[in-house]
N, C-alpha and C. Protein backbone atom coordinates (compact mmCIF):
# COMPACT_ATOMS: atom_id res chain seq x y z
N MET A 1 -20.78 -5.18 -20.48
CA MET A 1 -21.18 -4.45 -19.04
C MET A 1 -22.77 -4.24 -19.15
N ILE A 2 -23.63 -4.19 -18.26
CA ILE A 2 -24.97 -3.74 -18.28
C ILE A 2 -25.39 -2.28 -18.07
N GLU A 3 -25.22 -1.81 -19.12
CA GLU A 3 -25.66 -0.59 -18.79
C GLU A 3 -27.08 -0.01 -18.95
N TYR A 4 -26.95 1.00 -17.95
CA TYR A 4 -28.37 1.64 -17.53
C TYR A 4 -28.36 3.06 -17.58
N GLY A 5 -29.09 4.73 -18.42
CA GLY A 5 -28.61 5.26 -18.01
C GLY A 5 -27.75 5.81 -18.96
N VAL A 6 -26.58 6.92 -18.62
CA VAL A 6 -25.68 7.18 -19.66
C VAL A 6 -24.32 7.84 -18.60
N ASN A 7 -24.17 6.60 -19.36
CA ASN A 7 -22.79 6.40 -18.19
C ASN A 7 -22.15 7.41 -18.37
N ARG A 8 -20.60 7.71 -18.07
CA ARG A 8 -18.96 8.07 -18.50
C ARG A 8 -17.94 7.21 -17.76
N LEU A 9 -17.10 6.68 -18.45
CA LEU A 9 -15.88 5.89 -18.16
C LEU A 9 -14.72 6.81 -18.33
N GLY A 10 -13.81 7.03 -17.93
CA GLY A 10 -12.49 7.13 -18.48
C GLY A 10 -11.54 6.83 -18.76
N LYS A 11 -10.10 7.55 -19.37
CA LYS A 11 -8.95 6.76 -20.07
C LYS A 11 -9.12 5.55 -19.47
N GLY A 12 -8.61 4.23 -20.23
CA GLY A 12 -7.95 3.25 -19.15
C GLY A 12 -8.32 2.06 -18.10
N ALA A 13 -10.07 2.31 -18.78
CA ALA A 13 -10.70 1.98 -17.32
C ALA A 13 -10.71 0.23 -17.95
N LYS A 14 -10.53 -0.95 -16.67
CA LYS A 14 -10.82 -1.61 -17.42
C LYS A 14 -11.77 -2.52 -16.15
N ILE A 15 -12.91 -3.42 -17.64
CA ILE A 15 -14.31 -3.59 -16.80
C ILE A 15 -14.12 -5.45 -16.94
N TYR A 16 -14.26 -6.38 -15.56
CA TYR A 16 -13.72 -7.45 -16.02
C TYR A 16 -15.89 -7.72 -15.50
N GLU A 17 -16.09 -8.61 -16.40
CA GLU A 17 -17.06 -8.98 -16.87
C GLU A 17 -18.27 -9.80 -15.58
N PRO A 18 -19.43 -9.90 -15.36
CA PRO A 18 -20.85 -9.08 -15.31
C PRO A 18 -19.62 -7.58 -14.54
N VAL A 19 -20.26 -6.60 -15.21
CA VAL A 19 -20.43 -5.61 -14.17
C VAL A 19 -21.62 -4.59 -14.93
N THR A 20 -22.16 -4.15 -13.29
CA THR A 20 -23.76 -2.93 -13.89
C THR A 20 -23.07 -1.60 -13.61
N LEU A 21 -23.57 -0.52 -14.80
CA LEU A 21 -23.39 0.54 -14.97
C LEU A 21 -24.37 1.19 -14.25
N GLY A 22 -24.55 2.69 -13.69
CA GLY A 22 -25.83 3.35 -13.28
C GLY A 22 -27.51 2.55 -13.43
N PHE A 23 -27.06 1.56 -12.76
CA PHE A 23 -28.71 0.76 -12.01
C PHE A 23 -29.51 1.83 -11.81
N PRO A 24 -30.92 2.17 -12.38
CA PRO A 24 -31.93 2.63 -11.53
C PRO A 24 -32.37 2.73 -9.98
N SER A 25 -32.28 3.86 -9.37
CA SER A 25 -33.23 3.90 -7.68
C SER A 25 -33.99 4.33 -8.17
N ARG A 26 -34.83 4.20 -7.33
CA ARG A 26 -36.38 3.69 -7.38
C ARG A 26 -36.68 5.14 -8.13
N GLU A 27 -36.13 6.18 -7.94
CA GLU A 27 -36.63 7.31 -8.09
C GLU A 27 -36.49 7.60 -10.15
N ARG A 28 -35.71 6.09 -10.67
CA ARG A 28 -35.41 6.49 -12.18
C ARG A 28 -36.19 5.64 -12.78
N TYR A 29 -37.02 4.87 -12.06
CA TYR A 29 -37.82 3.83 -12.32
C TYR A 29 -38.74 3.77 -13.26
N GLY A 30 -38.16 3.49 -14.82
CA GLY A 30 -39.66 3.26 -15.88
C GLY A 30 -38.27 4.94 -17.05
N GLN A 31 -37.39 5.45 -16.38
CA GLN A 31 -36.89 7.00 -16.94
C GLN A 31 -35.43 5.88 -17.89
N THR A 32 -35.71 7.13 -18.78
CA THR A 32 -34.52 6.84 -20.16
C THR A 32 -33.46 8.07 -20.00
N GLY A 33 -32.07 7.70 -20.42
CA GLY A 33 -31.48 8.92 -20.66
C GLY A 33 -30.95 10.13 -18.79
N PHE A 34 -31.54 9.14 -18.38
CA PHE A 34 -30.95 9.79 -16.61
C PHE A 34 -29.69 10.07 -16.85
N LYS A 35 -29.03 10.27 -15.68
CA LYS A 35 -27.36 9.97 -15.47
C LYS A 35 -26.74 9.58 -14.91
N GLY A 36 -26.13 7.88 -15.50
CA GLY A 36 -25.63 7.43 -14.96
C GLY A 36 -24.81 7.55 -13.89
N ALA A 37 -23.93 6.62 -14.19
CA ALA A 37 -21.93 6.39 -13.14
C ALA A 37 -21.26 7.56 -14.30
N THR A 38 -20.78 8.31 -13.27
CA THR A 38 -19.01 8.52 -13.99
C THR A 38 -18.60 8.48 -13.08
N ILE A 39 -17.52 7.77 -14.02
CA ILE A 39 -15.98 7.34 -13.40
C ILE A 39 -14.23 7.52 -13.92
N GLY A 40 -13.81 8.59 -13.36
CA GLY A 40 -12.96 8.69 -13.54
C GLY A 40 -11.36 7.92 -14.25
N ASP A 41 -10.34 8.08 -14.96
CA ASP A 41 -9.59 7.34 -15.43
C ASP A 41 -8.73 6.19 -14.60
N GLY A 42 -8.61 5.11 -15.01
CA GLY A 42 -7.86 4.08 -14.54
C GLY A 42 -8.65 3.39 -13.90
N ALA A 43 -9.62 3.41 -13.90
CA ALA A 43 -10.40 2.24 -13.23
C ALA A 43 -10.49 0.94 -13.44
N VAL A 44 -10.82 0.04 -12.17
CA VAL A 44 -10.23 -1.00 -11.79
C VAL A 44 -11.71 -1.66 -11.56
N ILE A 45 -12.31 -2.44 -12.76
CA ILE A 45 -13.52 -3.13 -11.35
C ILE A 45 -13.96 -4.16 -12.18
N ARG A 46 -14.38 -5.13 -10.75
CA ARG A 46 -14.39 -6.67 -11.34
C ARG A 46 -15.85 -7.04 -11.23
N SER A 47 -15.44 -7.58 -11.59
CA SER A 47 -17.12 -9.08 -11.80
C SER A 47 -17.81 -8.64 -10.55
N GLY A 48 -19.37 -9.09 -10.83
CA GLY A 48 -20.34 -9.14 -10.65
C GLY A 48 -20.67 -7.83 -9.47
N SER A 49 -19.22 -6.55 -9.81
CA SER A 49 -19.64 -5.27 -8.89
C SER A 49 -21.47 -4.87 -9.61
N VAL A 50 -21.77 -3.47 -8.95
CA VAL A 50 -23.15 -3.21 -9.14
C VAL A 50 -22.85 -1.53 -8.78
N ILE A 51 -22.64 -0.07 -9.70
CA ILE A 51 -22.66 1.32 -9.23
C ILE A 51 -24.02 1.22 -9.65
N TYR A 52 -24.67 2.23 -9.06
CA TYR A 52 -25.90 3.09 -9.55
C TYR A 52 -25.82 4.25 -10.25
N CYS A 53 -27.17 5.11 -10.62
CA CYS A 53 -27.10 5.64 -11.30
C CYS A 53 -26.76 7.20 -10.33
N ASP A 54 -26.57 8.12 -10.55
CA ASP A 54 -25.85 9.72 -9.65
C ASP A 54 -24.35 9.45 -8.93
N VAL A 55 -23.90 8.52 -9.54
CA VAL A 55 -21.96 8.15 -8.65
C VAL A 55 -21.48 8.60 -9.06
N THR A 56 -20.67 9.47 -8.95
CA THR A 56 -19.35 9.45 -9.16
C THR A 56 -18.35 9.48 -8.52
N ILE A 57 -17.81 9.50 -9.05
CA ILE A 57 -15.45 8.83 -8.98
C ILE A 57 -14.61 8.97 -9.38
N GLY A 58 -13.81 9.51 -8.87
CA GLY A 58 -12.38 10.31 -8.90
C GLY A 58 -11.58 8.76 -9.93
N ASP A 59 -10.25 9.61 -10.36
CA ASP A 59 -9.34 8.94 -10.81
C ASP A 59 -8.69 7.80 -10.32
N ASP A 60 -8.60 6.41 -10.78
CA ASP A 60 -7.51 5.68 -10.03
C ASP A 60 -8.65 4.78 -9.15
N PHE A 61 -9.39 4.46 -9.39
CA PHE A 61 -10.76 4.24 -8.92
C PHE A 61 -10.75 2.11 -8.68
N SER A 62 -10.78 1.35 -7.32
CA SER A 62 -10.20 0.44 -7.65
C SER A 62 -11.37 -0.52 -6.90
N ALA A 63 -12.32 -1.45 -7.45
CA ALA A 63 -13.19 -2.21 -6.71
C ALA A 63 -13.23 -3.25 -6.72
N GLY A 64 -13.22 -4.10 -5.75
CA GLY A 64 -12.99 -5.92 -5.41
C GLY A 64 -13.93 -6.97 -6.45
N HIS A 65 -14.29 -7.71 -6.29
CA HIS A 65 -16.06 -8.62 -6.81
C HIS A 65 -16.55 -8.72 -6.27
N ASN A 66 -18.26 -8.09 -6.57
CA ASN A 66 -19.41 -7.60 -6.17
C ASN A 66 -19.84 -6.49 -5.18
N VAL A 67 -18.89 -5.64 -5.40
CA VAL A 67 -19.40 -4.68 -4.69
C VAL A 67 -20.10 -3.81 -5.21
N VAL A 68 -21.03 -3.23 -3.46
CA VAL A 68 -22.53 -2.69 -4.35
C VAL A 68 -22.11 -0.85 -3.88
N ILE A 69 -22.42 0.12 -4.98
CA ILE A 69 -22.71 1.38 -4.63
C ILE A 69 -23.60 1.86 -5.24
N ARG A 70 -23.85 2.85 -4.15
CA ARG A 70 -25.84 2.72 -4.43
C ARG A 70 -25.01 4.72 -4.54
N GLU A 71 -27.01 4.75 -5.00
CA GLU A 71 -26.80 6.52 -5.85
C GLU A 71 -26.36 7.75 -5.28
N TYR A 72 -26.37 8.56 -5.70
CA TYR A 72 -25.58 9.72 -5.14
C TYR A 72 -24.51 9.84 -4.03
N THR A 73 -23.29 8.74 -4.21
CA THR A 73 -22.35 8.30 -3.91
C THR A 73 -21.26 9.43 -4.67
N GLU A 74 -20.24 10.35 -3.76
CA GLU A 74 -19.15 10.71 -4.27
C GLU A 74 -18.51 10.20 -3.11
N ILE A 75 -17.20 9.48 -4.46
CA ILE A 75 -16.05 8.67 -4.46
C ILE A 75 -14.82 9.75 -4.90
N GLY A 76 -13.36 10.18 -3.66
CA GLY A 76 -12.60 11.15 -4.33
C GLY A 76 -11.60 10.30 -5.41
N ASP A 77 -11.00 10.76 -5.39
CA ASP A 77 -8.82 9.64 -6.32
C ASP A 77 -8.61 8.69 -5.36
N HIS A 78 -7.64 7.90 -5.92
CA HIS A 78 -7.25 6.53 -5.20
C HIS A 78 -7.89 6.13 -4.23
N VAL A 79 -8.82 5.05 -4.82
CA VAL A 79 -9.88 4.57 -3.50
C VAL A 79 -9.59 3.26 -3.92
N MET A 80 -10.22 2.40 -3.35
CA MET A 80 -10.09 1.50 -2.67
C MET A 80 -10.31 0.51 -2.33
N VAL A 81 -11.80 -0.06 -2.79
CA VAL A 81 -13.03 -0.44 -2.49
C VAL A 81 -13.01 -2.28 -2.22
N GLY A 82 -12.47 -3.08 -1.70
CA GLY A 82 -13.04 -3.79 -1.47
C GLY A 82 -13.89 -5.48 -1.68
N SER A 83 -14.04 -6.58 -1.74
CA SER A 83 -14.58 -7.45 -1.94
C SER A 83 -15.89 -7.06 -1.38
N GLY A 84 -17.11 -6.97 -1.24
CA GLY A 84 -18.11 -7.52 -1.09
C GLY A 84 -18.87 -6.38 -0.31
N THR A 85 -18.17 -5.24 -0.65
CA THR A 85 -18.25 -3.97 0.43
C THR A 85 -19.97 -3.38 -0.26
N ILE A 86 -20.26 -2.68 0.91
CA ILE A 86 -21.33 -2.00 0.67
C ILE A 86 -21.83 -0.71 0.36
N ILE A 87 -22.16 0.40 -0.55
CA ILE A 87 -21.76 1.50 0.20
C ILE A 87 -23.32 2.20 0.03
N GLU A 88 -23.98 2.64 0.60
CA GLU A 88 -25.13 2.85 0.66
C GLU A 88 -25.10 4.76 0.28
N GLY A 89 -26.56 4.90 -0.68
CA GLY A 89 -26.28 6.21 -1.26
C GLY A 89 -25.90 7.00 -0.47
N ASN A 90 -26.26 8.49 -0.69
CA ASN A 90 -26.28 10.18 -0.67
C ASN A 90 -24.42 10.19 0.71
N THR A 91 -23.66 9.39 0.18
CA THR A 91 -22.48 8.97 1.12
C THR A 91 -21.81 9.48 0.29
N VAL A 92 -21.00 10.41 0.94
CA VAL A 92 -19.16 11.30 0.41
C VAL A 92 -18.23 10.74 1.49
N ILE A 93 -17.12 9.75 0.18
CA ILE A 93 -15.65 9.67 0.40
C ILE A 93 -14.50 10.21 -0.02
N GLY A 94 -13.66 10.56 0.61
CA GLY A 94 -12.39 10.96 0.16
C GLY A 94 -11.12 10.15 -0.19
N ASP A 95 -10.59 11.30 -0.82
CA ASP A 95 -9.04 11.09 -1.63
C ASP A 95 -8.97 9.98 -0.56
N ASP A 96 -7.68 8.67 -1.71
CA ASP A 96 -6.50 8.10 -0.89
C ASP A 96 -7.81 6.81 0.11
N VAL A 97 -8.50 6.70 0.05
CA VAL A 97 -9.34 5.90 1.03
C VAL A 97 -9.05 4.30 1.00
N ARG A 98 -8.89 3.79 1.62
CA ARG A 98 -8.89 1.67 1.45
C ARG A 98 -10.11 1.54 2.50
N LEU A 99 -10.64 0.23 1.92
CA LEU A 99 -11.65 -0.09 2.39
C LEU A 99 -12.08 -1.60 2.14
N GLN A 100 -11.64 -2.03 3.45
CA GLN A 100 -11.04 -3.81 2.85
C GLN A 100 -12.56 -4.42 2.71
N SER A 101 -12.24 -5.68 2.47
CA SER A 101 -13.88 -6.30 2.14
C SER A 101 -14.61 -6.59 3.08
N MET A 102 -15.80 -7.07 2.53
CA MET A 102 -17.07 -6.99 3.70
C MET A 102 -17.92 -5.79 4.37
N VAL A 103 -16.95 -4.34 4.31
CA VAL A 103 -17.62 -3.53 4.79
C VAL A 103 -18.56 -2.80 4.30
N TYR A 104 -19.40 -2.41 5.48
CA TYR A 104 -21.01 -1.64 5.63
C TYR A 104 -21.21 -0.33 5.83
N ILE A 105 -21.11 0.63 4.39
CA ILE A 105 -21.41 1.67 5.11
C ILE A 105 -23.15 2.44 4.16
N PRO A 106 -23.36 2.55 5.44
CA PRO A 106 -24.88 3.21 5.31
C PRO A 106 -24.97 4.51 4.44
N THR A 107 -25.94 5.00 4.40
CA THR A 107 -26.37 6.45 3.92
C THR A 107 -26.47 7.05 4.47
N GLY A 108 -25.77 8.67 4.37
CA GLY A 108 -25.60 9.20 4.50
C GLY A 108 -24.34 9.69 4.84
N THR A 109 -23.64 8.50 5.11
CA THR A 109 -21.71 8.28 6.02
C THR A 109 -20.68 9.41 5.44
N ALA A 110 -19.94 10.41 5.55
CA ALA A 110 -18.96 11.11 5.35
C ALA A 110 -17.57 9.97 5.42
N ILE A 111 -17.30 9.99 4.81
CA ILE A 111 -15.76 10.17 5.14
C ILE A 111 -14.56 10.62 4.61
N GLY A 112 -13.33 11.00 5.15
CA GLY A 112 -12.29 12.47 4.58
C GLY A 112 -11.69 11.81 3.68
N ASP A 113 -10.17 11.87 4.12
CA ASP A 113 -8.73 11.43 3.21
C ASP A 113 -8.28 10.85 4.01
N ARG A 114 -7.73 9.61 3.11
CA ARG A 114 -6.88 9.27 3.90
C ARG A 114 -7.02 8.17 4.80
N VAL A 115 -8.47 8.09 4.78
CA VAL A 115 -8.95 6.79 6.00
C VAL A 115 -8.93 5.41 5.64
N PHE A 116 -8.69 4.73 6.87
CA PHE A 116 -8.41 2.91 6.17
C PHE A 116 -9.31 2.83 6.90
N ILE A 117 -10.24 1.26 6.21
CA ILE A 117 -11.42 1.32 7.45
C ILE A 117 -10.95 -0.86 6.87
N GLY A 118 -11.05 -1.60 7.81
CA GLY A 118 -10.68 -2.68 8.25
C GLY A 118 -11.58 -3.72 7.39
N PRO A 119 -11.65 -4.94 7.51
CA PRO A 119 -12.82 -5.89 6.96
C PRO A 119 -13.27 -5.74 8.14
N ASN A 120 -14.93 -6.58 7.70
CA ASN A 120 -16.09 -6.71 8.17
C ASN A 120 -16.59 -5.82 8.99
N ALA A 121 -15.62 -4.24 9.32
CA ALA A 121 -16.32 -3.02 9.70
C ALA A 121 -18.02 -2.76 9.38
N VAL A 122 -18.98 -2.67 10.24
CA VAL A 122 -19.87 -1.96 10.45
C VAL A 122 -20.70 -1.20 10.71
N LEU A 123 -20.45 -0.22 10.10
CA LEU A 123 -21.76 1.46 10.30
C LEU A 123 -22.72 1.38 10.22
N THR A 124 -23.35 2.44 11.44
CA THR A 124 -25.13 2.20 11.34
C THR A 124 -24.86 3.32 11.77
N ASN A 125 -26.45 3.55 11.18
CA ASN A 125 -27.08 5.38 10.92
C ASN A 125 -28.96 5.14 11.34
N ASP A 126 -29.10 3.77 11.72
CA ASP A 126 -29.90 4.08 12.93
C ASP A 126 -29.83 3.39 14.06
N ARG A 127 -30.17 3.85 15.31
CA ARG A 127 -29.77 3.92 16.25
C ARG A 127 -30.75 2.76 17.14
N TYR A 128 -33.08 3.23 16.62
CA TYR A 128 -33.56 2.87 16.60
C TYR A 128 -34.25 2.26 15.57
N PRO A 129 -34.22 1.19 15.11
CA PRO A 129 -34.71 0.16 13.76
C PRO A 129 -35.99 0.06 13.86
N PRO A 130 -36.44 0.16 12.43
CA PRO A 130 -36.52 0.69 11.49
C PRO A 130 -37.17 2.25 11.58
N ALA A 131 -36.46 3.47 11.33
CA ALA A 131 -36.69 4.64 11.60
C ALA A 131 -36.93 5.33 9.94
N ARG A 132 -37.27 6.82 10.43
CA ARG A 132 -37.60 6.61 8.89
C ARG A 132 -36.92 7.56 8.49
N HIS A 133 -36.50 7.54 6.80
CA HIS A 133 -35.49 8.55 6.43
C HIS A 133 -34.82 9.66 7.22
N GLU A 134 -35.59 10.77 7.13
CA GLU A 134 -35.31 11.48 7.61
C GLU A 134 -34.88 11.39 9.05
N ASP A 135 -34.75 10.70 9.86
CA ASP A 135 -34.32 10.26 11.58
C ASP A 135 -33.39 9.67 11.68
N LEU A 136 -32.40 8.95 10.05
CA LEU A 136 -31.01 8.07 10.09
C LEU A 136 -30.32 9.42 10.73
N ASP A 137 -28.69 8.76 11.26
CA ASP A 137 -28.25 10.09 11.15
C ASP A 137 -26.33 8.79 11.36
N ALA A 138 -26.09 9.36 10.54
CA ALA A 138 -24.75 8.94 9.88
C ALA A 138 -23.68 8.94 10.83
N PRO A 139 -22.28 7.78 10.95
CA PRO A 139 -21.28 8.34 11.33
C PRO A 139 -20.46 9.60 10.37
N VAL A 140 -19.48 10.21 10.72
CA VAL A 140 -18.50 10.53 9.95
C VAL A 140 -17.38 10.48 10.77
N ILE A 141 -15.85 10.26 9.73
CA ILE A 141 -14.56 9.58 9.96
C ILE A 141 -14.05 10.62 8.94
N CYS A 142 -12.97 11.22 10.07
CA CYS A 142 -12.62 12.56 9.14
C CYS A 142 -11.09 12.05 8.83
N ASP A 143 -10.40 13.17 8.68
CA ASP A 143 -8.98 12.82 8.42
C ASP A 143 -8.23 11.68 8.31
N GLY A 144 -7.51 10.76 7.92
CA GLY A 144 -6.59 10.01 8.37
C GLY A 144 -6.47 9.48 9.83
N ALA A 145 -7.96 8.73 9.94
CA ALA A 145 -8.55 7.95 10.96
C ALA A 145 -8.64 6.69 10.48
N VAL A 146 -8.64 5.74 10.71
CA VAL A 146 -7.91 3.96 11.21
C VAL A 146 -9.21 3.39 11.86
N ILE A 147 -10.12 2.61 10.83
CA ILE A 147 -11.19 2.30 11.69
C ILE A 147 -10.68 0.21 11.30
N GLY A 148 -10.24 -0.55 13.04
CA GLY A 148 -10.27 -1.99 11.86
C GLY A 148 -10.90 -2.80 12.39
N ALA A 149 -10.84 -4.13 11.35
CA ALA A 149 -11.26 -5.30 11.64
C ALA A 149 -12.38 -5.24 12.51
N ASN A 150 -13.89 -5.63 12.11
CA ASN A 150 -14.77 -5.87 12.44
C ASN A 150 -15.49 -5.19 13.79
N SER A 151 -14.81 -4.07 13.34
CA SER A 151 -15.70 -2.92 14.90
C SER A 151 -17.04 -2.53 13.77
N THR A 152 -17.42 -1.65 15.06
CA THR A 152 -18.72 -1.46 14.66
C THR A 152 -18.71 -0.15 15.00
N LEU A 153 -19.07 1.35 14.38
CA LEU A 153 -19.81 2.07 14.68
C LEU A 153 -21.27 2.74 14.52
N LEU A 154 -22.05 3.39 15.69
CA LEU A 154 -23.20 3.49 15.84
C LEU A 154 -23.30 4.57 15.42
N PRO A 155 -24.95 5.21 15.31
CA PRO A 155 -25.08 6.32 14.24
C PRO A 155 -24.57 7.45 15.39
N GLY A 156 -24.15 8.29 14.29
CA GLY A 156 -23.68 10.02 14.74
C GLY A 156 -22.33 10.01 15.67
N VAL A 157 -21.65 8.76 15.59
CA VAL A 157 -20.35 9.15 16.12
C VAL A 157 -19.64 9.96 14.60
N VAL A 158 -18.86 10.43 15.65
CA VAL A 158 -17.35 11.18 15.28
C VAL A 158 -16.19 10.78 15.68
N ILE A 159 -15.80 10.13 14.20
CA ILE A 159 -13.93 9.56 14.39
C ILE A 159 -12.85 10.35 14.52
N GLY A 160 -12.62 11.23 15.08
CA GLY A 160 -11.32 12.97 14.96
C GLY A 160 -10.51 12.04 13.47
N GLY A 161 -9.53 13.73 13.42
CA GLY A 161 -8.90 13.18 12.44
C GLY A 161 -7.12 12.14 13.46
N GLY A 162 -7.11 11.35 12.78
CA GLY A 162 -6.35 10.66 12.87
C GLY A 162 -6.26 9.88 14.14
N ALA A 163 -7.53 9.05 14.63
CA ALA A 163 -7.53 8.43 15.19
C ALA A 163 -8.17 7.19 14.93
N MET A 164 -7.95 5.92 16.38
CA MET A 164 -7.44 5.24 15.77
C MET A 164 -8.85 4.14 16.45
N VAL A 165 -10.18 3.10 15.84
CA VAL A 165 -11.02 2.33 16.42
C VAL A 165 -10.15 0.86 16.55
N ALA A 166 -9.97 -0.02 17.31
CA ALA A 166 -8.88 -1.00 17.40
C ALA A 166 -10.45 -2.45 17.08
N ALA A 167 -9.41 -3.24 15.93
CA ALA A 167 -10.26 -4.23 16.14
C ALA A 167 -11.60 -4.63 17.16
N GLY A 168 -12.69 -5.10 16.20
CA GLY A 168 -13.82 -4.97 17.32
C GLY A 168 -14.46 -4.55 18.22
N ALA A 169 -14.16 -3.60 18.23
CA ALA A 169 -14.81 -2.51 19.35
C ALA A 169 -16.13 -1.74 18.40
N VAL A 170 -16.84 -1.88 19.76
CA VAL A 170 -18.44 -1.17 19.64
C VAL A 170 -18.09 0.29 19.86
N VAL A 171 -18.46 1.60 18.49
CA VAL A 171 -18.02 2.69 19.12
C VAL A 171 -19.41 3.69 19.72
N THR A 172 -20.13 4.42 20.56
CA THR A 172 -20.90 4.68 21.13
C THR A 172 -20.79 5.92 20.95
N LYS A 173 -19.86 6.36 21.73
CA LYS A 173 -19.79 8.03 21.53
C LYS A 173 -18.23 8.74 20.60
N ASP A 174 -18.33 9.80 20.57
CA ASP A 174 -17.00 10.68 19.56
C ASP A 174 -15.90 10.26 20.31
N VAL A 175 -14.55 10.07 19.01
CA VAL A 175 -13.68 9.63 19.52
C VAL A 175 -13.07 10.94 19.47
N PRO A 176 -11.87 11.37 19.84
CA PRO A 176 -11.65 12.74 19.76
C PRO A 176 -10.58 11.96 19.00
N PRO A 177 -9.64 13.32 18.34
CA PRO A 177 -8.70 13.54 17.54
C PRO A 177 -7.24 13.41 17.63
N GLY A 178 -6.97 11.88 17.33
CA GLY A 178 -5.29 11.64 17.31
C GLY A 178 -5.87 10.55 18.92
N MET A 179 -6.89 9.86 19.54
CA MET A 179 -7.36 8.66 20.09
C MET A 179 -7.41 7.63 19.81
N LEU A 180 -7.76 6.58 20.69
CA LEU A 180 -7.04 4.96 19.99
C LEU A 180 -9.29 5.19 21.26
N ALA A 181 -10.04 4.19 20.46
CA ALA A 181 -10.81 3.50 20.79
C ALA A 181 -10.75 2.10 20.99
N ILE A 182 -11.08 1.85 21.93
CA ILE A 182 -10.63 -0.09 22.36
C ILE A 182 -11.58 -0.39 23.17
N GLY A 183 -12.56 -1.67 22.56
CA GLY A 183 -13.07 -2.29 23.39
C GLY A 183 -14.65 -2.05 23.37
N VAL A 184 -15.53 -2.81 23.80
CA VAL A 184 -16.90 -3.07 23.90
C VAL A 184 -17.98 -2.58 25.80
N PRO A 185 -18.08 -1.22 25.44
CA PRO A 185 -18.68 -0.22 24.21
C PRO A 185 -16.84 0.26 24.89
N ALA A 186 -16.17 0.59 23.68
CA ALA A 186 -14.89 1.60 23.28
C ALA A 186 -15.20 2.27 24.76
N GLY A 187 -14.01 2.57 25.22
CA GLY A 187 -13.46 3.25 26.02
C GLY A 187 -12.29 3.78 24.98
N ILE A 188 -12.43 5.71 25.32
CA ILE A 188 -10.81 6.15 24.83
C ILE A 188 -9.76 6.32 25.61
N ARG A 189 -8.45 6.09 25.11
CA ARG A 189 -7.50 5.93 25.95
C ARG A 189 -5.56 6.85 24.78
N GLU A 190 -5.40 6.95 25.44
CA GLU A 190 -4.23 7.81 24.44
C GLU A 190 -3.64 6.53 23.38
N MET A 191 -2.81 7.14 22.47
CA MET A 191 -2.57 6.26 20.86
C MET A 191 -1.68 5.29 22.14
N PRO A 192 -1.18 4.05 21.91
CA PRO A 192 -0.07 3.61 21.97
C PRO A 192 1.03 3.78 21.56
N GLU A 193 2.73 3.63 21.81
CA GLU A 193 3.42 3.99 20.60
C GLU A 193 3.68 3.54 20.03
N ARG A 194 4.23 3.79 18.49
CA ARG A 194 4.65 3.04 16.90
C ARG A 194 5.25 2.86 17.70
N GLY A 195 5.83 1.26 17.37
CA GLY A 195 7.45 1.40 17.57
C GLY A 195 7.34 -0.65 17.65
N GLY A 196 8.49 -1.44 18.16
CA GLY A 196 8.73 -2.61 17.57
C GLY A 196 7.33 -3.11 18.60
N ARG A 197 7.25 -4.96 18.00
CA ARG A 197 6.57 -5.48 19.07
C ARG A 197 6.53 -6.12 19.96
């Protein structure tokens, strides 16, 4: 394990080499003794993953291969992050969240509890790139929402509690709680009845 700063690992952590903890952000370049990563009990972090400084992660965390988690990110308990996923800095992720492989989470995103994000989903925070940092407007995903594979969320959209984004949808406006966003650009409709195929 490659370590920068002062890292704290909880009990029973399994770290598969090579993993980097506490990687310095730009503001930490040249410093020593800075706060690294703080990770709770029972973590499993697979090879190739890099977790930056000033990251706090709860208990029972699982990271696939080649995951990147940038600085000032807070992650709750029982969170699974799939291989190749990138979580940019200043992001908050709740409890019992599942991010499948190759998900992109931009700076400033807020994700509630019990959220599922399918593989290759892309969230964006910059409507007219490249904008200044203060102009960024990341999505908000509320508790219990489901984001389908290969979907794209544009800057500033709010996905309401229990809402669903269909696979491949491009979400350009807020999705109310309990509703379905489907299509390109995504239209909003009632959630279909769940049952047989």
